[in-house]
């Protein structure tokens, strides 16, 4: 398996499990959050999807970006399915970008995020993107536990 194929496998597995969790959030709890400073369930789903779009832009430019603009900004939060559908074209674009990287680009090309304390290779950065999503998947499982809601089995 090529390096980019392994990255794609990881990204797809993380997303598959995230979607199971997202679809397991009771509709009447989408706006719930454990405290006033936390993201709601719905906000966290949007954060992950918007974050992936922003990370894709960083990969294209090789550095952090100074903009808060995104294709998600003009759309109010609705529900999980709407968010998944809205993000799908950007997700496909991101996966294609990763597929097109050579082993050399993933290994030796750097993304400069010194503004937030690091410079990493593209391969490392793509792993961090999946890790970011995984962290929020775990947070949402914790939210579901606090709500005494059923938690999807993500260990299939």
N, C-alpha and C. Protein backbone atom coordinates (compact mmCIF):
# COMPACT_ATOMS: atom_id res chain seq x y z
N UNK A 1 0.84 -1.17 0.00
CA UNK A 1 0.00 0.00 0.00
C UNK A 1 0.89 1.24 0.00
N UNK A 2 0.52 2.22 -0.79
CA UNK A 2 1.26 3.48 -0.87
C UNK A 2 0.93 4.36 0.34
N UNK A 3 1.81 5.30 0.63
CA UNK A 3 1.63 6.20 1.77
C UNK A 3 0.28 6.91 1.70
N UNK A 4 -0.04 7.47 0.55
CA UNK A 4 -1.31 8.21 0.46
C UNK A 4 -2.52 7.28 0.59
N UNK A 5 -2.38 6.04 0.17
CA UNK A 5 -3.47 5.08 0.33
C UNK A 5 -3.73 4.78 1.82
N UNK A 6 -2.66 4.69 2.59
CA UNK A 6 -2.81 4.48 4.04
C UNK A 6 -3.46 5.69 4.71
N UNK A 7 -3.07 6.88 4.27
CA UNK A 7 -3.68 8.10 4.81
C UNK A 7 -5.17 8.15 4.49
N UNK A 8 -5.51 7.80 3.25
CA UNK A 8 -6.92 7.78 2.83
C UNK A 8 -7.70 6.76 3.67
N UNK A 9 -7.15 5.58 3.85
CA UNK A 9 -7.81 4.56 4.66
C UNK A 9 -8.09 5.09 6.06
N UNK A 10 -7.10 5.73 6.66
CA UNK A 10 -7.28 6.29 8.00
C UNK A 10 -8.35 7.37 8.00
N UNK A 11 -8.29 8.29 7.06
CA UNK A 11 -9.28 9.36 6.98
C UNK A 11 -10.69 8.80 6.79
N UNK A 12 -10.83 7.81 5.94
CA UNK A 12 -12.15 7.23 5.69
C UNK A 12 -12.69 6.47 6.90
N UNK A 13 -11.83 5.76 7.59
CA UNK A 13 -12.27 5.01 8.77
C UNK A 13 -12.67 5.96 9.90
N UNK A 14 -11.90 7.02 10.09
CA UNK A 14 -12.25 7.99 11.12
C UNK A 14 -13.60 8.62 10.78
N UNK A 15 -13.79 9.03 9.52
CA UNK A 15 -15.05 9.66 9.14
C UNK A 15 -16.23 8.70 9.25
N UNK A 16 -16.03 7.45 8.85
CA UNK A 16 -17.11 6.46 8.94
C UNK A 16 -17.60 6.34 10.39
N UNK A 17 -16.65 6.31 11.32
CA UNK A 17 -17.02 6.20 12.73
C UNK A 17 -17.63 7.49 13.24
N UNK A 18 -17.10 8.63 12.80
CA UNK A 18 -17.69 9.91 13.20
C UNK A 18 -19.14 9.99 12.77
N UNK A 19 -19.41 9.61 11.54
CA UNK A 19 -20.79 9.69 11.04
C UNK A 19 -21.72 8.79 11.85
N UNK A 20 -21.25 7.63 12.27
CA UNK A 20 -22.06 6.76 13.13
C UNK A 20 -22.42 7.49 14.43
N UNK A 21 -21.44 8.17 14.99
CA UNK A 21 -21.67 8.92 16.23
C UNK A 21 -22.62 10.09 15.97
N UNK A 22 -22.33 10.86 14.91
CA UNK A 22 -23.16 12.03 14.60
C UNK A 22 -24.62 11.65 14.40
N UNK A 23 -24.83 10.55 13.67
CA UNK A 23 -26.21 10.11 13.43
C UNK A 23 -26.87 9.54 14.68
N UNK A 24 -26.06 9.25 15.69
CA UNK A 24 -26.59 8.75 16.96
C UNK A 24 -26.99 9.84 17.93
N UNK A 25 -26.74 11.10 17.58
CA UNK A 25 -27.13 12.20 18.47
C UNK A 25 -28.65 12.38 18.37
N UNK A 26 -29.35 12.27 19.48
CA UNK A 26 -30.81 12.49 19.41
C UNK A 26 -31.11 13.89 18.85
N UNK A 27 -32.06 13.96 17.94
CA UNK A 27 -32.39 15.23 17.27
C UNK A 27 -32.70 16.32 18.29
N UNK A 28 -33.38 15.95 19.36
CA UNK A 28 -33.74 16.97 20.36
C UNK A 28 -32.56 17.38 21.24
N UNK A 29 -31.39 16.79 21.02
CA UNK A 29 -30.20 17.11 21.81
C UNK A 29 -29.09 17.76 20.96
N UNK A 30 -29.38 18.08 19.71
CA UNK A 30 -28.36 18.66 18.84
C UNK A 30 -27.79 19.97 19.39
N UNK A 31 -28.59 20.73 20.11
CA UNK A 31 -28.12 22.01 20.66
C UNK A 31 -27.60 21.89 22.09
N UNK A 32 -27.58 20.67 22.62
CA UNK A 32 -27.11 20.47 23.99
C UNK A 32 -25.60 20.62 24.06
N UNK A 33 -25.14 21.21 25.17
CA UNK A 33 -23.72 21.27 25.48
C UNK A 33 -23.55 21.16 26.99
N UNK A 34 -22.43 20.60 27.43
CA UNK A 34 -22.27 20.33 28.85
C UNK A 34 -22.10 21.57 29.71
N UNK A 35 -21.66 22.67 29.12
CA UNK A 35 -21.54 23.93 29.85
C UNK A 35 -21.55 25.07 28.85
N UNK A 36 -21.61 26.29 29.34
CA UNK A 36 -21.78 27.45 28.46
C UNK A 36 -20.56 27.71 27.58
N UNK A 37 -19.40 27.22 27.94
CA UNK A 37 -18.19 27.46 27.15
C UNK A 37 -17.92 26.37 26.11
N UNK A 38 -18.66 25.29 26.18
CA UNK A 38 -18.46 24.15 25.27
C UNK A 38 -19.23 24.35 23.97
N UNK A 39 -18.84 23.58 22.96
CA UNK A 39 -19.61 23.53 21.72
C UNK A 39 -20.81 22.62 21.93
N UNK A 40 -21.90 22.93 21.26
CA UNK A 40 -23.04 22.02 21.25
C UNK A 40 -22.70 20.83 20.35
N UNK A 41 -23.53 19.81 20.40
CA UNK A 41 -23.32 18.65 19.53
C UNK A 41 -23.26 19.09 18.07
N UNK A 42 -24.24 19.88 17.66
CA UNK A 42 -24.32 20.33 16.28
C UNK A 42 -23.12 21.22 15.92
N UNK A 43 -22.73 22.10 16.84
CA UNK A 43 -21.57 22.96 16.59
C UNK A 43 -20.29 22.13 16.42
N UNK A 44 -20.18 21.04 17.16
CA UNK A 44 -18.99 20.21 17.05
C UNK A 44 -18.93 19.50 15.70
N UNK A 45 -20.08 19.03 15.21
CA UNK A 45 -20.11 18.42 13.88
C UNK A 45 -19.66 19.45 12.85
N UNK A 46 -20.23 20.65 12.92
CA UNK A 46 -19.85 21.72 11.98
C UNK A 46 -18.36 22.05 12.12
N UNK A 47 -17.86 22.12 13.34
CA UNK A 47 -16.45 22.42 13.59
C UNK A 47 -15.53 21.42 12.89
N UNK A 48 -15.85 20.16 12.98
CA UNK A 48 -15.04 19.12 12.33
C UNK A 48 -15.07 19.29 10.81
N UNK A 49 -16.25 19.48 10.26
CA UNK A 49 -16.38 19.59 8.80
C UNK A 49 -15.75 20.88 8.28
N UNK A 50 -15.99 21.96 8.97
CA UNK A 50 -15.38 23.25 8.60
C UNK A 50 -13.87 23.18 8.76
N UNK A 51 -13.42 22.52 9.82
CA UNK A 51 -11.99 22.37 10.06
C UNK A 51 -11.30 21.61 8.94
N UNK A 52 -11.92 20.55 8.47
CA UNK A 52 -11.32 19.80 7.37
C UNK A 52 -11.18 20.67 6.13
N UNK A 53 -12.19 21.48 5.85
CA UNK A 53 -12.11 22.40 4.71
C UNK A 53 -10.95 23.38 4.90
N UNK A 54 -10.82 23.92 6.11
CA UNK A 54 -9.73 24.87 6.39
C UNK A 54 -8.37 24.19 6.27
N UNK A 55 -8.25 22.97 6.78
CA UNK A 55 -6.99 22.24 6.66
C UNK A 55 -6.64 21.99 5.20
N UNK A 56 -7.65 21.71 4.38
CA UNK A 56 -7.39 21.52 2.95
C UNK A 56 -6.81 22.79 2.34
N UNK A 57 -7.34 23.94 2.74
CA UNK A 57 -6.82 25.21 2.22
C UNK A 57 -5.37 25.40 2.67
N UNK A 58 -5.07 25.02 3.89
CA UNK A 58 -3.69 25.13 4.40
C UNK A 58 -2.75 24.23 3.60
N UNK A 59 -3.20 23.02 3.28
CA UNK A 59 -2.38 22.13 2.46
C UNK A 59 -2.12 22.75 1.10
N UNK A 60 -3.10 23.38 0.54
CA UNK A 60 -2.92 24.02 -0.78
C UNK A 60 -1.93 25.18 -0.73
N UNK A 61 -1.89 25.87 0.40
CA UNK A 61 -1.03 27.05 0.52
C UNK A 61 0.26 26.78 1.28
N UNK A 62 0.37 25.63 1.92
CA UNK A 62 1.58 25.28 2.64
C UNK A 62 1.75 26.00 3.96
N UNK A 63 0.69 26.64 4.44
CA UNK A 63 0.79 27.41 5.68
C UNK A 63 -0.60 27.68 6.25
N UNK A 64 -0.61 28.22 7.47
CA UNK A 64 -1.87 28.65 8.08
C UNK A 64 -2.48 29.77 7.25
N UNK A 65 -3.77 29.97 7.42
CA UNK A 65 -4.47 31.04 6.73
C UNK A 65 -5.05 32.01 7.75
N UNK A 66 -5.18 33.26 7.37
CA UNK A 66 -5.67 34.29 8.28
C UNK A 66 -7.16 34.53 8.17
N UNK A 67 -7.88 33.68 7.51
CA UNK A 67 -9.30 33.95 7.28
C UNK A 67 -10.19 33.03 8.08
N UNK A 68 -11.31 33.56 8.48
CA UNK A 68 -12.34 32.75 9.14
C UNK A 68 -13.45 32.40 8.15
N UNK A 69 -13.31 32.88 6.91
CA UNK A 69 -14.31 32.59 5.90
C UNK A 69 -14.29 31.11 5.55
N UNK A 70 -15.46 30.60 5.23
CA UNK A 70 -15.57 29.23 4.76
C UNK A 70 -16.89 29.10 4.04
N UNK A 71 -17.04 28.06 3.24
CA UNK A 71 -18.33 27.84 2.57
C UNK A 71 -19.45 27.46 3.55
N UNK A 72 -19.11 27.20 4.79
CA UNK A 72 -20.11 26.85 5.80
C UNK A 72 -20.70 28.08 6.47
N UNK A 73 -19.94 29.17 6.49
CA UNK A 73 -20.30 30.36 7.26
C UNK A 73 -21.69 30.92 6.95
N UNK A 74 -22.08 31.04 5.68
CA UNK A 74 -23.38 31.64 5.42
C UNK A 74 -24.58 30.75 5.76
N UNK A 75 -24.34 29.51 6.10
CA UNK A 75 -25.45 28.56 6.33
C UNK A 75 -25.68 28.35 7.83
N UNK A 76 -26.89 28.55 8.30
CA UNK A 76 -27.17 28.27 9.71
C UNK A 76 -27.08 26.77 9.99
N UNK A 77 -26.75 26.44 11.23
CA UNK A 77 -26.73 25.03 11.64
C UNK A 77 -28.15 24.49 11.56
N UNK A 78 -28.26 23.30 10.98
CA UNK A 78 -29.57 22.68 10.85
C UNK A 78 -29.59 21.34 11.57
N UNK A 79 -29.12 20.32 10.87
CA UNK A 79 -29.08 18.98 11.43
C UNK A 79 -27.88 18.24 10.86
N UNK A 80 -27.62 17.08 11.41
CA UNK A 80 -26.44 16.30 11.02
C UNK A 80 -26.45 15.96 9.54
N UNK A 81 -27.56 15.46 9.03
CA UNK A 81 -27.60 15.05 7.61
C UNK A 81 -27.35 16.22 6.68
N UNK A 82 -27.89 17.39 7.00
CA UNK A 82 -27.65 18.58 6.17
C UNK A 82 -26.18 18.93 6.17
N UNK A 83 -25.54 18.83 7.33
CA UNK A 83 -24.11 19.15 7.43
C UNK A 83 -23.27 18.15 6.63
N UNK A 84 -23.61 16.88 6.72
CA UNK A 84 -22.86 15.86 5.98
C UNK A 84 -22.98 16.11 4.48
N UNK A 85 -24.19 16.36 4.02
CA UNK A 85 -24.42 16.60 2.58
C UNK A 85 -23.70 17.87 2.13
N UNK A 86 -23.77 18.93 2.93
CA UNK A 86 -23.11 20.19 2.58
C UNK A 86 -21.59 20.00 2.46
N UNK A 87 -21.03 19.16 3.30
CA UNK A 87 -19.58 18.96 3.33
C UNK A 87 -19.08 17.96 2.29
N UNK A 88 -19.96 17.16 1.72
CA UNK A 88 -19.53 16.07 0.84
C UNK A 88 -18.65 16.51 -0.33
N UNK A 89 -18.98 17.58 -1.06
CA UNK A 89 -18.10 17.96 -2.17
C UNK A 89 -16.70 18.36 -1.69
N UNK A 90 -16.63 19.01 -0.53
CA UNK A 90 -15.33 19.42 0.01
C UNK A 90 -14.56 18.21 0.50
N UNK A 91 -15.26 17.25 1.06
CA UNK A 91 -14.63 16.01 1.51
C UNK A 91 -14.02 15.27 0.32
N UNK A 92 -14.78 15.15 -0.76
CA UNK A 92 -14.28 14.47 -1.95
C UNK A 92 -13.06 15.20 -2.52
N UNK A 93 -13.11 16.51 -2.52
CA UNK A 93 -11.99 17.32 -3.00
C UNK A 93 -10.75 17.10 -2.12
N UNK A 94 -10.95 17.05 -0.81
CA UNK A 94 -9.85 16.81 0.12
C UNK A 94 -9.23 15.44 -0.09
N UNK A 95 -10.07 14.41 -0.20
CA UNK A 95 -9.54 13.06 -0.42
C UNK A 95 -8.78 12.96 -1.74
N UNK A 96 -9.27 13.63 -2.77
CA UNK A 96 -8.57 13.63 -4.05
C UNK A 96 -7.22 14.34 -3.93
N UNK A 97 -7.17 15.41 -3.19
CA UNK A 97 -5.91 16.12 -2.95
C UNK A 97 -4.90 15.19 -2.30
N UNK A 98 -5.33 14.47 -1.27
CA UNK A 98 -4.44 13.53 -0.58
C UNK A 98 -4.01 12.41 -1.53
N UNK A 99 -4.93 11.90 -2.33
CA UNK A 99 -4.60 10.84 -3.29
C UNK A 99 -3.51 11.28 -4.27
N UNK A 100 -3.53 12.55 -4.61
CA UNK A 100 -2.60 13.06 -5.62
C UNK A 100 -1.20 13.35 -5.10
N UNK A 101 -1.01 13.37 -3.80
CA UNK A 101 0.33 13.63 -3.26
C UNK A 101 1.24 12.42 -3.48
N UNK A 102 2.46 12.70 -3.85
CA UNK A 102 3.46 11.63 -3.99
C UNK A 102 4.03 11.31 -2.61
N UNK A 103 4.70 10.18 -2.53
CA UNK A 103 5.37 9.80 -1.28
C UNK A 103 6.36 10.89 -0.88
N UNK A 104 7.09 11.43 -1.84
CA UNK A 104 8.08 12.48 -1.55
C UNK A 104 7.41 13.73 -0.99
N UNK A 105 6.27 14.14 -1.57
CA UNK A 105 5.56 15.32 -1.05
C UNK A 105 5.09 15.09 0.38
N UNK A 106 4.55 13.92 0.65
CA UNK A 106 4.05 13.60 1.99
C UNK A 106 5.17 13.51 3.01
N UNK A 107 6.35 13.13 2.55
CA UNK A 107 7.48 12.91 3.45
C UNK A 107 8.35 14.14 3.64
N UNK A 108 8.52 14.95 2.59
CA UNK A 108 9.51 16.03 2.64
C UNK A 108 8.93 17.44 2.53
N UNK A 109 7.74 17.58 2.02
CA UNK A 109 7.14 18.91 1.89
C UNK A 109 6.53 19.31 3.23
N UNK A 110 6.81 20.54 3.64
CA UNK A 110 6.35 21.00 4.96
C UNK A 110 5.18 21.96 4.86
N UNK A 111 4.37 21.91 5.89
CA UNK A 111 3.34 22.92 6.10
C UNK A 111 3.80 23.76 7.29
N UNK A 112 3.86 25.05 7.10
CA UNK A 112 4.37 25.97 8.11
C UNK A 112 3.23 26.55 8.92
N UNK A 113 3.10 26.05 10.13
CA UNK A 113 2.10 26.59 11.06
C UNK A 113 2.83 27.12 12.29
N UNK A 114 3.95 27.78 12.02
CA UNK A 114 4.75 28.32 13.13
C UNK A 114 3.95 29.34 13.93
N UNK A 115 2.92 29.92 13.33
CA UNK A 115 2.05 30.84 14.07
C UNK A 115 1.34 30.15 15.23
N UNK A 116 1.17 28.83 15.15
CA UNK A 116 0.56 28.08 16.25
C UNK A 116 1.54 27.06 16.85
N UNK A 117 2.81 27.19 16.48
CA UNK A 117 3.84 26.43 17.17
C UNK A 117 4.39 25.20 16.49
N UNK A 118 4.13 25.00 15.20
CA UNK A 118 4.73 23.83 14.58
C UNK A 118 4.89 23.98 13.07
N UNK A 119 5.87 23.23 12.57
CA UNK A 119 6.08 23.01 11.15
C UNK A 119 6.16 21.50 11.01
N UNK A 120 5.34 20.91 10.13
CA UNK A 120 5.31 19.46 9.97
C UNK A 120 5.26 19.10 8.50
N UNK A 121 5.59 17.85 8.22
CA UNK A 121 5.46 17.37 6.85
C UNK A 121 3.98 17.25 6.50
N UNK A 122 3.70 17.19 5.20
CA UNK A 122 2.32 17.04 4.76
C UNK A 122 1.71 15.75 5.31
N UNK A 123 2.47 14.67 5.28
CA UNK A 123 1.95 13.40 5.80
C UNK A 123 1.57 13.50 7.26
N UNK A 124 2.44 14.09 8.06
CA UNK A 124 2.17 14.29 9.48
C UNK A 124 0.93 15.16 9.67
N UNK A 125 0.83 16.23 8.89
CA UNK A 125 -0.30 17.15 9.01
C UNK A 125 -1.62 16.45 8.68
N UNK A 126 -1.62 15.60 7.67
CA UNK A 126 -2.84 14.87 7.30
C UNK A 126 -3.24 13.91 8.43
N UNK A 127 -2.27 13.29 9.07
CA UNK A 127 -2.58 12.45 10.23
C UNK A 127 -3.19 13.29 11.35
N UNK A 128 -2.70 14.51 11.53
CA UNK A 128 -3.25 15.41 12.56
C UNK A 128 -4.69 15.79 12.25
N UNK A 129 -5.01 15.91 10.98
CA UNK A 129 -6.40 16.22 10.59
C UNK A 129 -7.32 15.10 11.07
N UNK A 130 -6.93 13.86 10.82
CA UNK A 130 -7.73 12.72 11.27
C UNK A 130 -7.78 12.66 12.80
N UNK A 131 -6.67 12.98 13.44
CA UNK A 131 -6.63 12.96 14.90
C UNK A 131 -7.58 14.01 15.48
N UNK A 132 -7.61 15.18 14.88
CA UNK A 132 -8.52 16.23 15.31
C UNK A 132 -9.96 15.72 15.29
N UNK A 133 -10.33 15.08 14.20
CA UNK A 133 -11.69 14.54 14.10
C UNK A 133 -11.93 13.45 15.14
N UNK A 134 -10.94 12.62 15.37
CA UNK A 134 -11.07 11.54 16.37
C UNK A 134 -11.29 12.10 17.77
N UNK A 135 -10.57 13.15 18.10
CA UNK A 135 -10.74 13.78 19.42
C UNK A 135 -12.19 14.21 19.61
N UNK A 136 -12.75 14.87 18.58
CA UNK A 136 -14.13 15.34 18.70
C UNK A 136 -15.13 14.19 18.69
N UNK A 137 -14.79 13.09 18.03
CA UNK A 137 -15.64 11.90 18.10
C UNK A 137 -15.71 11.41 19.54
N UNK A 138 -14.58 11.38 20.20
CA UNK A 138 -14.55 10.98 21.61
C UNK A 138 -15.32 11.94 22.50
N UNK A 139 -15.19 13.23 22.21
CA UNK A 139 -15.96 14.22 22.98
C UNK A 139 -17.46 13.97 22.84
N UNK A 140 -17.89 13.73 21.60
CA UNK A 140 -19.32 13.50 21.39
C UNK A 140 -19.79 12.22 22.07
N UNK A 141 -18.96 11.20 22.11
CA UNK A 141 -19.34 9.99 22.85
C UNK A 141 -19.51 10.33 24.33
N UNK A 142 -18.64 11.20 24.84
CA UNK A 142 -18.79 11.65 26.23
C UNK A 142 -20.07 12.43 26.44
N UNK A 143 -20.41 13.28 25.47
CA UNK A 143 -21.67 14.02 25.54
C UNK A 143 -22.85 13.04 25.61
N UNK A 144 -22.83 12.04 24.73
CA UNK A 144 -23.92 11.07 24.70
C UNK A 144 -24.03 10.33 26.04
N UNK A 145 -22.89 10.02 26.63
CA UNK A 145 -22.89 9.36 27.95
C UNK A 145 -23.54 10.27 28.99
N UNK A 146 -23.17 11.57 28.97
CA UNK A 146 -23.76 12.51 29.92
C UNK A 146 -25.27 12.64 29.73
N UNK A 147 -25.72 12.51 28.50
CA UNK A 147 -27.14 12.61 28.19
C UNK A 147 -27.90 11.30 28.45
N UNK A 148 -27.18 10.26 28.86
CA UNK A 148 -27.76 8.93 29.01
C UNK A 148 -28.40 8.46 27.72
N UNK A 149 -27.83 8.88 26.60
CA UNK A 149 -28.31 8.47 25.28
C UNK A 149 -27.53 7.24 24.82
N UNK A 150 -28.12 6.41 24.01
CA UNK A 150 -27.38 5.26 23.48
C UNK A 150 -26.16 5.73 22.68
N UNK A 151 -25.08 5.00 22.84
CA UNK A 151 -23.86 5.33 22.10
C UNK A 151 -23.65 4.30 21.00
N UNK A 152 -23.47 4.76 19.76
CA UNK A 152 -23.26 3.83 18.65
C UNK A 152 -22.01 2.98 18.86
N UNK A 153 -22.09 1.77 18.38
CA UNK A 153 -20.93 0.89 18.41
C UNK A 153 -20.00 1.26 17.25
N UNK A 154 -18.87 1.86 17.57
CA UNK A 154 -17.93 2.26 16.52
C UNK A 154 -16.81 1.23 16.34
N UNK A 155 -16.86 0.16 17.09
CA UNK A 155 -15.79 -0.85 17.04
C UNK A 155 -16.23 -2.08 16.26
N UNK A 156 -16.73 -1.84 15.06
CA UNK A 156 -17.17 -2.95 14.22
C UNK A 156 -16.03 -3.53 13.40
